[in-house]
All heavy atoms as atom14 arrays in JSON, in Angstrom:
{
  "sequence": "PKEIKRLAEEILKEPVSINMVAHEAFNTDIEQYFYVIEEWERADAV",
  "atom14_mask": [
    [1, 1, 1, 1, 1, 1, 1, 0, 0, 0, 0, 0, 0, 0],
    [1, 1, 1, 1, 1, 1, 1, 1, 1, 0, 0, 0, 0, 0],
    [1, 1, 1, 1, 1, 1, 1, 1, 1, 0, 0, 0, 0, 0],
    [1, 1, 1, 1, 1, 1, 1, 1, 0, 0, 0, 0, 0, 0],
    [1, 1, 1, 1, 1, 1, 1, 1, 1, 0, 0, 0, 0, 0],
    [1, 1, 1, 1, 1, 1, 1, 1, 1, 1, 1, 0, 0, 0],
    [1, 1, 1, 1, 1, 1, 1, 1, 0, 0, 0, 0, 0, 0],
    [1, 1, 1, 1, 1, 0, 0, 0, 0, 0, 0, 0, 0, 0],
    [1, 1, 1, 1, 1, 1, 1, 1, 1, 0, 0, 0, 0, 0],
    [1, 1, 1, 1, 1, 1, 1, 1, 1, 0, 0, 0, 0, 0],
    [1, 1, 1, 1, 1, 1, 1, 1, 0, 0, 0, 0, 0, 0],
    [1, 1, 1, 1, 1, 1, 1, 1, 0, 0, 0, 0, 0, 0],
    [1, 1, 1, 1, 1, 1, 1, 1, 1, 0, 0, 0, 0, 0],
    [1, 1, 1, 1, 1, 1, 1, 1, 1, 0, 0, 0, 0, 0],
    [1, 1, 1, 1, 1, 1, 1, 0, 0, 0, 0, 0, 0, 0],
    [1, 1, 1, 1, 1, 1, 1, 0, 0, 0, 0, 0, 0, 0],
    [1, 1, 1, 1, 1, 1, 0, 0, 0, 0, 0, 0, 0, 0],
    [1, 1, 1, 1, 1, 1, 1, 1, 0, 0, 0, 0, 0, 0],
    [1, 1, 1, 1, 1, 1, 1, 1, 0, 0, 0, 0, 0, 0],
    [1, 1, 1, 1, 1, 1, 1, 1, 0, 0, 0, 0, 0, 0],
    [1, 1, 1, 1, 1, 1, 1, 0, 0, 0, 0, 0, 0, 0],
    [1, 1, 1, 1, 1, 0, 0, 0, 0, 0, 0, 0, 0, 0],
    [1, 1, 1, 1, 1, 1, 1, 1, 1, 1, 0, 0, 0, 0],
    [1, 1, 1, 1, 1, 1, 1, 1, 1, 0, 0, 0, 0, 0],
    [1, 1, 1, 1, 1, 0, 0, 0, 0, 0, 0, 0, 0, 0],
    [1, 1, 1, 1, 1, 1, 1, 1, 1, 1, 1, 0, 0, 0],
    [1, 1, 1, 1, 1, 1, 1, 1, 0, 0, 0, 0, 0, 0],
    [1, 1, 1, 1, 1, 1, 1, 0, 0, 0, 0, 0, 0, 0],
    [1, 1, 1, 1, 1, 1, 1, 1, 0, 0, 0, 0, 0, 0],
    [1, 1, 1, 1, 1, 1, 1, 1, 0, 0, 0, 0, 0, 0],
    [1, 1, 1, 1, 1, 1, 1, 1, 1, 0, 0, 0, 0, 0],
    [1, 1, 1, 1, 1, 1, 1, 1, 1, 0, 0, 0, 0, 0],
    [1, 1, 1, 1, 1, 1, 1, 1, 1, 1, 1, 1, 0, 0],
    [1, 1, 1, 1, 1, 1, 1, 1, 1, 1, 1, 0, 0, 0],
    [1, 1, 1, 1, 1, 1, 1, 1, 1, 1, 1, 1, 0, 0],
    [1, 1, 1, 1, 1, 1, 1, 0, 0, 0, 0, 0, 0, 0],
    [1, 1, 1, 1, 1, 1, 1, 1, 0, 0, 0, 0, 0, 0],
    [1, 1, 1, 1, 1, 1, 1, 1, 1, 0, 0, 0, 0, 0],
    [1, 1, 1, 1, 1, 1, 1, 1, 1, 0, 0, 0, 0, 0],
    [1, 1, 1, 1, 1, 1, 1, 1, 1, 1, 1, 1, 1, 1],
    [1, 1, 1, 1, 1, 1, 1, 1, 1, 0, 0, 0, 0, 0],
    [1, 1, 1, 1, 1, 1, 1, 1, 1, 1, 1, 0, 0, 0],
    [1, 1, 1, 1, 1, 0, 0, 0, 0, 0, 0, 0, 0, 0],
    [1, 1, 1, 1, 1, 1, 1, 1, 0, 0, 0, 0, 0, 0],
    [1, 1, 1, 1, 1, 0, 0, 0, 0, 0, 0, 0, 0, 0],
    [1, 1, 1, 1, 1, 1, 1, 0, 0, 0, 0, 0, 0, 0]
  ],
  "atom14_positions": [
    [[0.84, -1.2, 0.0], [0.0, 0.0, 0.0], [0.87, 1.25, 0.0], [2.09, 1.18, 0.22], [-0.81, -0.13, 1.3], [-0.02, -1.04, 2.16], [0.72, -1.96, 1.25], [0.0, 0.0, 0.0], [0.0, 0.0, 0.0], [0.0, 0.0, 0.0], [0.0, 0.0, 0.0], [0.0, 0.0, 0.0], [0.0, 0.0, 0.0], [0.0, 0.0, 0.0]],
    [[0.24, 2.4, -0.23], [1.02, 3.64, -0.39], [1.85, 3.98, 0.84], [2.95, 4.52, 0.73], [0.08, 4.81, -0.74], [-0.99, 5.14, 0.27], [-1.84, 6.3, -0.21], [-2.9, 6.71, 0.81], [-3.87, 5.65, 1.1], [0.0, 0.0, 0.0], [0.0, 0.0, 0.0], [0.0, 0.0, 0.0], [0.0, 0.0, 0.0], [0.0, 0.0, 0.0]],
    [[1.34, 3.64, 2.04], [2.11, 3.94, 3.26], [3.4, 3.12, 3.33], [4.44, 3.63, 3.76], [1.26, 3.66, 4.51], [0.04, 4.54, 4.66], [-1.18, 3.98, 3.96], [-1.03, 3.01, 3.18], [-2.29, 4.5, 4.19], [0.0, 0.0, 0.0], [0.0, 0.0, 0.0], [0.0, 0.0, 0.0], [0.0, 0.0, 0.0], [0.0, 0.0, 0.0]],
    [[3.33, 1.86, 2.9], [4.53, 1.02, 2.89], [5.49, 1.5, 1.81], [6.72, 1.48, 1.98], [4.14, -0.46, 2.67], [3.31, -0.97, 3.85], [5.39, -1.31, 2.49], [4.0, -0.89, 5.2], [0.0, 0.0, 0.0], [0.0, 0.0, 0.0], [0.0, 0.0, 0.0], [0.0, 0.0, 0.0], [0.0, 0.0, 0.0], [0.0, 0.0, 0.0]],
    [[4.95, 1.96, 0.68], [5.81, 2.48, -0.38], [6.58, 3.7, 0.11], [7.78, 3.85, -0.15], [4.96, 2.83, -1.6], [5.77, 3.21, -2.83], [4.87, 3.42, -4.04], [5.69, 3.76, -5.27], [4.84, 3.97, -6.47], [0.0, 0.0, 0.0], [0.0, 0.0, 0.0], [0.0, 0.0, 0.0], [0.0, 0.0, 0.0], [0.0, 0.0, 0.0]],
    [[5.88, 4.59, 0.86], [6.55, 5.78, 1.4], [7.61, 5.38, 2.42], [8.7, 5.95, 2.45], [5.52, 6.71, 2.05], [4.74, 7.54, 1.04], [4.1, 8.75, 1.7], [3.1, 8.35, 2.69], [1.81, 8.23, 2.44], [1.35, 8.48, 1.22], [0.97, 7.88, 3.39], [0.0, 0.0, 0.0], [0.0, 0.0, 0.0], [0.0, 0.0, 0.0]],
    [[7.3, 4.39, 3.25], [8.27, 3.91, 4.24], [9.51, 3.37, 3.54], [10.64, 3.66, 3.95], [7.64, 2.83, 5.12], [8.58, 2.18, 6.14], [9.03, 3.18, 7.2], [7.9, 0.97, 6.81], [0.0, 0.0, 0.0], [0.0, 0.0, 0.0], [0.0, 0.0, 0.0], [0.0, 0.0, 0.0], [0.0, 0.0, 0.0], [0.0, 0.0, 0.0]],
    [[9.3, 2.6, 2.49], [10.43, 2.03, 1.75], [11.32, 3.13, 1.18], [12.56, 3.02, 1.19], [9.92, 1.12, 0.63], [0.0, 0.0, 0.0], [0.0, 0.0, 0.0], [0.0, 0.0, 0.0], [0.0, 0.0, 0.0], [0.0, 0.0, 0.0], [0.0, 0.0, 0.0], [0.0, 0.0, 0.0], [0.0, 0.0, 0.0], [0.0, 0.0, 0.0]],
    [[10.71, 4.2, 0.7], [11.49, 5.32, 0.16], [12.32, 5.99, 1.23], [13.4, 6.53, 0.95], [10.54, 6.33, -0.5], [9.89, 5.8, -1.78], [8.79, 6.72, -2.29], [8.45, 7.69, -1.57], [8.27, 6.47, -3.4], [0.0, 0.0, 0.0], [0.0, 0.0, 0.0], [0.0, 0.0, 0.0], [0.0, 0.0, 0.0], [0.0, 0.0, 0.0]],
    [[11.82, 5.98, 2.47], [12.54, 6.61, 3.59], [13.72, 5.78, 4.09], [14.77, 6.32, 4.43], [11.57, 6.85, 4.76], [10.51, 7.89, 4.51], [9.54, 8.0, 5.67], [9.86, 7.49, 6.76], [8.45, 8.58, 5.5], [0.0, 0.0, 0.0], [0.0, 0.0, 0.0], [0.0, 0.0, 0.0], [0.0, 0.0, 0.0], [0.0, 0.0, 0.0]],
    [[13.56, 4.47, 4.16], [14.54, 3.64, 4.88], [15.43, 2.8, 3.96], [16.41, 2.22, 4.42], [13.85, 2.72, 5.89], [12.94, 1.7, 5.18], [13.07, 3.53, 6.93], [12.33, 0.66, 6.11], [0.0, 0.0, 0.0], [0.0, 0.0, 0.0], [0.0, 0.0, 0.0], [0.0, 0.0, 0.0], [0.0, 0.0, 0.0], [0.0, 0.0, 0.0]],
    [[15.12, 2.71, 2.67], [15.91, 1.89, 1.76], [16.67, 2.77, 0.77], [16.25, 3.87, 0.44], [15.03, 0.9, 0.99], [14.61, -0.37, 1.74], [13.47, -0.09, 2.69], [14.21, -1.48, 0.77], [0.0, 0.0, 0.0], [0.0, 0.0, 0.0], [0.0, 0.0, 0.0], [0.0, 0.0, 0.0], [0.0, 0.0, 0.0], [0.0, 0.0, 0.0]],
    [[17.82, 2.25, 0.29], [18.65, 2.97, -0.66], [18.69, 2.19, -1.98], [19.22, 1.09, -2.03], [20.07, 3.12, -0.12], [20.14, 3.9, 1.19], [21.57, 3.88, 1.73], [21.65, 4.59, 3.08], [23.01, 4.51, 3.67], [0.0, 0.0, 0.0], [0.0, 0.0, 0.0], [0.0, 0.0, 0.0], [0.0, 0.0, 0.0], [0.0, 0.0, 0.0]],
    [[18.1, 2.78, -3.02], [18.1, 2.19, -4.36], [17.84, 0.69, -4.31], [18.65, -0.13, -4.78], [19.45, 2.46, -5.06], [19.74, 3.95, -5.21], [21.07, 4.2, -5.89], [21.81, 3.22, -6.13], [21.37, 5.36, -6.19], [0.0, 0.0, 0.0], [0.0, 0.0, 0.0], [0.0, 0.0, 0.0], [0.0, 0.0, 0.0], [0.0, 0.0, 0.0]],
    [[16.69, 0.29, -3.75], [16.43, -1.14, -3.57], [16.11, -1.86, -4.88], [15.58, -1.27, -5.82], [15.21, -1.15, -2.65], [14.49, 0.11, -2.98], [15.58, 1.12, -3.25], [0.0, 0.0, 0.0], [0.0, 0.0, 0.0], [0.0, 0.0, 0.0], [0.0, 0.0, 0.0], [0.0, 0.0, 0.0], [0.0, 0.0, 0.0], [0.0, 0.0, 0.0]],
    [[16.44, -3.14, -4.9], [15.95, -4.04, -5.94], [14.52, -4.41, -5.58], [14.2, -4.62, -4.4], [16.82, -5.31, -6.02], [16.24, -6.3, -7.03], [18.26, -4.95, -6.37], [0.0, 0.0, 0.0], [0.0, 0.0, 0.0], [0.0, 0.0, 0.0], [0.0, 0.0, 0.0], [0.0, 0.0, 0.0], [0.0, 0.0, 0.0], [0.0, 0.0, 0.0]],
    [[13.63, -4.47, -6.56], [12.23, -4.83, -6.3], [11.93, -6.2, -6.9], [12.29, -6.49, -8.04], [11.28, -3.78, -6.9], [11.41, -2.55, -6.23], [0.0, 0.0, 0.0], [0.0, 0.0, 0.0], [0.0, 0.0, 0.0], [0.0, 0.0, 0.0], [0.0, 0.0, 0.0], [0.0, 0.0, 0.0], [0.0, 0.0, 0.0], [0.0, 0.0, 0.0]],
    [[11.27, -7.03, -6.1], [10.83, -8.35, -6.55], [9.34, -8.45, -6.26], [8.91, -8.19, -5.13], [11.57, -9.49, -5.82], [13.06, -9.44, -6.12], [10.98, -10.84, -6.19], [13.88, -10.42, -5.3], [0.0, 0.0, 0.0], [0.0, 0.0, 0.0], [0.0, 0.0, 0.0], [0.0, 0.0, 0.0], [0.0, 0.0, 0.0], [0.0, 0.0, 0.0]],
    [[8.55, -8.82, -7.25], [7.11, -8.98, -7.05], [6.72, -10.4, -7.46], [6.49, -10.67, -8.63], [6.32, -7.95, -7.85], [4.83, -8.0, -7.55], [4.35, -8.93, -6.89], [4.1, -7.02, -8.03], [0.0, 0.0, 0.0], [0.0, 0.0, 0.0], [0.0, 0.0, 0.0], [0.0, 0.0, 0.0], [0.0, 0.0, 0.0], [0.0, 0.0, 0.0]],
    [[6.64, -11.28, -6.48], [6.26, -12.66, -6.76], [4.74, -12.79, -6.89], [4.25, -13.71, -7.53], [6.75, -13.59, -5.64], [8.25, -13.53, -5.4], [9.24, -13.8, -6.89], [8.72, -15.44, -7.36], [0.0, 0.0, 0.0], [0.0, 0.0, 0.0], [0.0, 0.0, 0.0], [0.0, 0.0, 0.0], [0.0, 0.0, 0.0], [0.0, 0.0, 0.0]],
    [[3.99, -11.89, -6.26], [2.53, -11.97, -6.29], [2.01, -11.79, -7.7], [1.07, -12.46, -8.13], [1.9, -10.91, -5.36], [0.38, -10.93, -5.46], [2.34, -11.15, -3.93], [0.0, 0.0, 0.0], [0.0, 0.0, 0.0], [0.0, 0.0, 0.0], [0.0, 0.0, 0.0], [0.0, 0.0, 0.0], [0.0, 0.0, 0.0], [0.0, 0.0, 0.0]],
    [[2.62, -10.89, -8.45], [2.13, -10.6, -9.8], [2.38, -11.74, -10.78], [1.68, -11.88, -11.78], [2.79, -9.33, -10.34], [0.0, 0.0, 0.0], [0.0, 0.0, 0.0], [0.0, 0.0, 0.0], [0.0, 0.0, 0.0], [0.0, 0.0, 0.0], [0.0, 0.0, 0.0], [0.0, 0.0, 0.0], [0.0, 0.0, 0.0], [0.0, 0.0, 0.0]],
    [[3.36, -12.6, -10.46], [3.75, -13.62, -11.43], [3.35, -15.02, -11.03], [3.45, -15.94, -11.82], [5.28, -13.58, -11.64], [5.77, -12.25, -12.11], [5.5, -11.77, -13.36], [6.49, -11.28, -11.48], [6.05, -10.57, -13.52], [6.65, -10.26, -12.39], [0.0, 0.0, 0.0], [0.0, 0.0, 0.0], [0.0, 0.0, 0.0], [0.0, 0.0, 0.0]],
    [[2.91, -15.2, -9.78], [2.57, -16.54, -9.32], [1.07, -16.77, -9.44], [0.26, -15.93, -9.08], [3.0, -16.75, -7.86], [4.5, -16.84, -7.71], [4.9, -17.1, -6.27], [4.01, -17.07, -5.4], [6.08, -17.34, -6.03], [0.0, 0.0, 0.0], [0.0, 0.0, 0.0], [0.0, 0.0, 0.0], [0.0, 0.0, 0.0], [0.0, 0.0, 0.0]],
    [[0.72, -17.95, -9.94], [-0.69, -18.33, -9.97], [-1.12, -18.66, -8.54], [-0.31, -18.97, -7.68], [-0.87, -19.55, -10.86], [0.0, 0.0, 0.0], [0.0, 0.0, 0.0], [0.0, 0.0, 0.0], [0.0, 0.0, 0.0], [0.0, 0.0, 0.0], [0.0, 0.0, 0.0], [0.0, 0.0, 0.0], [0.0, 0.0, 0.0], [0.0, 0.0, 0.0]],
    [[-2.44, -18.56, -8.32], [-2.94, -18.88, -6.98], [-2.63, -20.34, -6.66], [-2.59, -21.19, -7.55], [-4.45, -18.63, -6.91], [-4.95, -18.59, -5.5], [-4.84, -17.43, -4.77], [-5.5, -19.71, -4.92], [-5.29, -17.39, -3.46], [-5.95, -19.67, -3.64], [-5.85, -18.51, -2.9], [0.0, 0.0, 0.0], [0.0, 0.0, 0.0], [0.0, 0.0, 0.0]],
    [[-2.4, -20.62, -5.4], [-2.02, -21.96, -4.95], [-3.06, -23.0, -5.37], [-4.16, -23.05, -4.83], [-1.86, -21.97, -3.43], [-1.25, -23.27, -2.93], [-1.2, -24.28, -3.65], [-0.79, -23.26, -1.69], [0.0, 0.0, 0.0], [0.0, 0.0, 0.0], [0.0, 0.0, 0.0], [0.0, 0.0, 0.0], [0.0, 0.0, 0.0], [0.0, 0.0, 0.0]],
    [[-2.7, -23.83, -6.35], [-3.65, -24.83, -6.86], [-3.76, -26.03, -5.95], [-4.57, -26.93, -6.21], [-3.22, -25.29, -8.26], [-1.87, -25.77, -8.22], [-3.31, -24.15, -9.26], [0.0, 0.0, 0.0], [0.0, 0.0, 0.0], [0.0, 0.0, 0.0], [0.0, 0.0, 0.0], [0.0, 0.0, 0.0], [0.0, 0.0, 0.0], [0.0, 0.0, 0.0]],
    [[-2.95, -26.09, -4.88], [-3.06, -27.19, -3.93], [-4.19, -26.96, -2.92], [-4.43, -27.81, -2.07], [-1.74, -27.37, -3.17], [-0.65, -27.98, -4.06], [-1.01, -28.73, -4.98], [0.53, -27.7, -3.82], [0.0, 0.0, 0.0], [0.0, 0.0, 0.0], [0.0, 0.0, 0.0], [0.0, 0.0, 0.0], [0.0, 0.0, 0.0], [0.0, 0.0, 0.0]],
    [[-4.86, -25.81, -3.01], [-5.95, -25.51, -2.08], [-7.28, -25.56, -2.84], [-7.51, -24.79, -3.77], [-5.8, -24.12, -1.44], [-4.44, -23.99, -0.75], [-6.93, -23.86, -0.44], [-4.16, -22.6, -0.21], [0.0, 0.0, 0.0], [0.0, 0.0, 0.0], [0.0, 0.0, 0.0], [0.0, 0.0, 0.0], [0.0, 0.0, 0.0], [0.0, 0.0, 0.0]],
    [[-8.15, -26.48, -2.45], [-9.51, -26.51, -2.97], [-10.35, -25.53, -2.16], [-10.31, -25.54, -0.94], [-10.11, -27.91, -2.85], [-9.49, -28.94, -3.77], [-10.18, -30.28, -3.66], [-10.48, -30.7, -2.52], [-10.43, -30.91, -4.69], [0.0, 0.0, 0.0], [0.0, 0.0, 0.0], [0.0, 0.0, 0.0], [0.0, 0.0, 0.0], [0.0, 0.0, 0.0]],
    [[-11.11, -24.69, -2.86], [-11.88, -23.65, -2.18], [-13.38, -23.89, -2.35], [-13.89, -23.91, -3.47], [-11.5, -22.27, -2.73], [-10.03, -21.95, -2.5], [-9.63, -20.67, -3.19], [-9.97, -19.58, -2.73], [-8.9, -20.78, -4.28], [0.0, 0.0, 0.0], [0.0, 0.0, 0.0], [0.0, 0.0, 0.0], [0.0, 0.0, 0.0], [0.0, 0.0, 0.0]],
    [[-14.06, -24.09, -1.22], [-15.49, -24.35, -1.21], [-16.22, -23.23, -0.47], [-15.65, -22.61, 0.43], [-15.78, -25.68, -0.5], [-15.38, -26.91, -1.27], [-14.06, -27.33, -1.31], [-16.34, -27.66, -1.95], [-13.69, -28.47, -2.01], [-15.97, -28.81, -2.65], [-14.65, -29.2, -2.68], [-14.29, -30.33, -3.38], [0.0, 0.0, 0.0], [0.0, 0.0, 0.0]],
    [[-17.47, -23.01, -0.84], [-18.3, -22.12, -0.04], [-19.69, -22.74, 0.12], [-20.17, -23.49, -0.74], [-18.39, -20.72, -0.66], [-19.19, -20.65, -1.93], [-20.57, -20.4, -1.91], [-18.56, -20.8, -3.16], [-21.29, -20.33, -3.08], [-19.29, -20.72, -4.34], [-20.65, -20.48, -4.3], [0.0, 0.0, 0.0], [0.0, 0.0, 0.0], [0.0, 0.0, 0.0]],
    [[-20.3, -22.43, 1.26], [-21.64, -22.92, 1.58], [-22.48, -21.72, 2.01], [-22.05, -20.93, 2.86], [-21.58, -23.96, 2.71], [-20.81, -25.2, 2.34], [-19.43, -25.26, 2.49], [-21.47, -26.3, 1.81], [-18.72, -26.4, 2.13], [-20.77, -27.45, 1.44], [-19.39, -27.49, 1.61], [-18.7, -28.62, 1.26], [0.0, 0.0, 0.0], [0.0, 0.0, 0.0]],
    [[-23.66, -21.59, 1.42], [-24.54, -20.46, 1.73], [-25.52, -20.88, 2.82], [-26.23, -21.88, 2.68], [-25.29, -19.98, 0.48], [-26.13, -18.74, 0.82], [-24.31, -19.65, -0.65], [0.0, 0.0, 0.0], [0.0, 0.0, 0.0], [0.0, 0.0, 0.0], [0.0, 0.0, 0.0], [0.0, 0.0, 0.0], [0.0, 0.0, 0.0], [0.0, 0.0, 0.0]],
    [[-25.53, -20.12, 3.89], [-26.35, -20.43, 5.06], [-27.07, -19.17, 5.51], [-26.78, -18.07, 5.03], [-25.47, -20.95, 6.22], [-24.42, -19.87, 6.58], [-24.83, -22.28, 5.88], [-23.74, -20.05, 7.88], [0.0, 0.0, 0.0], [0.0, 0.0, 0.0], [0.0, 0.0, 0.0], [0.0, 0.0, 0.0], [0.0, 0.0, 0.0], [0.0, 0.0, 0.0]],
    [[-27.99, -19.31, 6.45], [-28.55, -18.15, 7.14], [-27.69, -17.84, 8.36], [-26.97, -18.72, 8.87], [-29.99, -18.42, 7.55], [-30.93, -18.74, 6.38], [-31.09, -17.6, 5.38], [-30.56, -16.49, 5.64], [-31.75, -17.81, 4.35], [0.0, 0.0, 0.0], [0.0, 0.0, 0.0], [0.0, 0.0, 0.0], [0.0, 0.0, 0.0], [0.0, 0.0, 0.0]],
    [[-27.74, -16.62, 8.83], [-26.87, -16.18, 9.92], [-26.95, -17.09, 11.14], [-25.94, -17.41, 11.76], [-27.23, -14.74, 10.3], [-26.31, -14.13, 11.35], [-24.87, -14.03, 10.89], [-24.64, -13.64, 9.73], [-23.98, -14.37, 11.69], [0.0, 0.0, 0.0], [0.0, 0.0, 0.0], [0.0, 0.0, 0.0], [0.0, 0.0, 0.0], [0.0, 0.0, 0.0]],
    [[-28.16, -17.51, 11.49], [-28.34, -18.3, 12.73], [-27.85, -19.74, 12.58], [-27.84, -20.5, 13.55], [-29.82, -18.3, 13.13], [-30.73, -18.93, 12.12], [-31.0, -20.26, 11.94], [-31.49, -18.25, 11.13], [-31.87, -20.45, 10.91], [-32.21, -19.23, 10.39], [-31.66, -16.9, 10.79], [-33.05, -18.91, 9.33], [-32.51, -16.59, 9.73], [-33.19, -17.57, 9.03]],
    [[-27.41, -20.13, 11.4], [-27.0, -21.52, 11.17], [-25.49, -21.72, 11.26], [-25.02, -22.84, 11.05], [-27.47, -21.97, 9.78], [-28.98, -22.03, 9.61], [-29.38, -22.48, 8.21], [-28.93, -21.83, 7.24], [-30.13, -23.46, 8.1], [0.0, 0.0, 0.0], [0.0, 0.0, 0.0], [0.0, 0.0, 0.0], [0.0, 0.0, 0.0], [0.0, 0.0, 0.0]],
    [[-24.73, -20.68, 11.56], [-23.27, -20.79, 11.47], [-22.71, -21.92, 12.33], [-21.91, -22.74, 11.86], [-22.61, -19.47, 11.86], [-22.76, -18.38, 10.83], [-21.84, -17.2, 11.1], [-22.24, -16.07, 10.27], [-21.83, -15.9, 9.02], [-21.01, -16.77, 8.47], [-22.23, -14.84, 8.34], [0.0, 0.0, 0.0], [0.0, 0.0, 0.0], [0.0, 0.0, 0.0]],
    [[-23.07, -21.95, 13.59], [-22.51, -22.95, 14.5], [-22.88, -24.36, 14.05], [-22.03, -25.26, 14.0], [-22.97, -22.69, 15.93], [0.0, 0.0, 0.0], [0.0, 0.0, 0.0], [0.0, 0.0, 0.0], [0.0, 0.0, 0.0], [0.0, 0.0, 0.0], [0.0, 0.0, 0.0], [0.0, 0.0, 0.0], [0.0, 0.0, 0.0], [0.0, 0.0, 0.0]],
    [[-24.16, -24.58, 13.73], [-24.59, -25.9, 13.26], [-23.87, -26.27, 11.96], [-23.48, -27.43, 11.76], [-26.11, -25.91, 13.01], [-26.91, -25.94, 14.3], [-26.41, -26.5, 15.3], [-28.04, -25.42, 14.32], [0.0, 0.0, 0.0], [0.0, 0.0, 0.0], [0.0, 0.0, 0.0], [0.0, 0.0, 0.0], [0.0, 0.0, 0.0], [0.0, 0.0, 0.0]],
    [[-23.67, -25.29, 11.09], [-23.02, -25.55, 9.8], [-21.58, -25.99, 9.98], [-21.13, -26.96, 9.36], [-23.1, -24.31, 8.92], [0.0, 0.0, 0.0], [0.0, 0.0, 0.0], [0.0, 0.0, 0.0], [0.0, 0.0, 0.0], [0.0, 0.0, 0.0], [0.0, 0.0, 0.0], [0.0, 0.0, 0.0], [0.0, 0.0, 0.0], [0.0, 0.0, 0.0]],
    [[-20.82, -25.28, 10.82], [-19.41, -25.63, 10.97], [-19.26, -26.98, 11.66], [-18.37, -27.77, 11.32], [-18.64, -24.51, 11.72], [-18.86, -24.56, 13.22], [-17.15, -24.58, 11.39], [0.0, 0.0, 0.0], [0.0, 0.0, 0.0], [0.0, 0.0, 0.0], [0.0, 0.0, 0.0], [0.0, 0.0, 0.0], [0.0, 0.0, 0.0], [0.0, 0.0, 0.0]]
  ]
}
């Protein structure tokens, strides 16, 4: 975020930048499920 970018400009000297987030696909080893419930059903659902 912009605050971290400003901090980096203050404390680092001509840093090398690496962005792994932009080049890595989302972790395919994680299956992602969702279940739609009513609010009062959370405890029973989990």
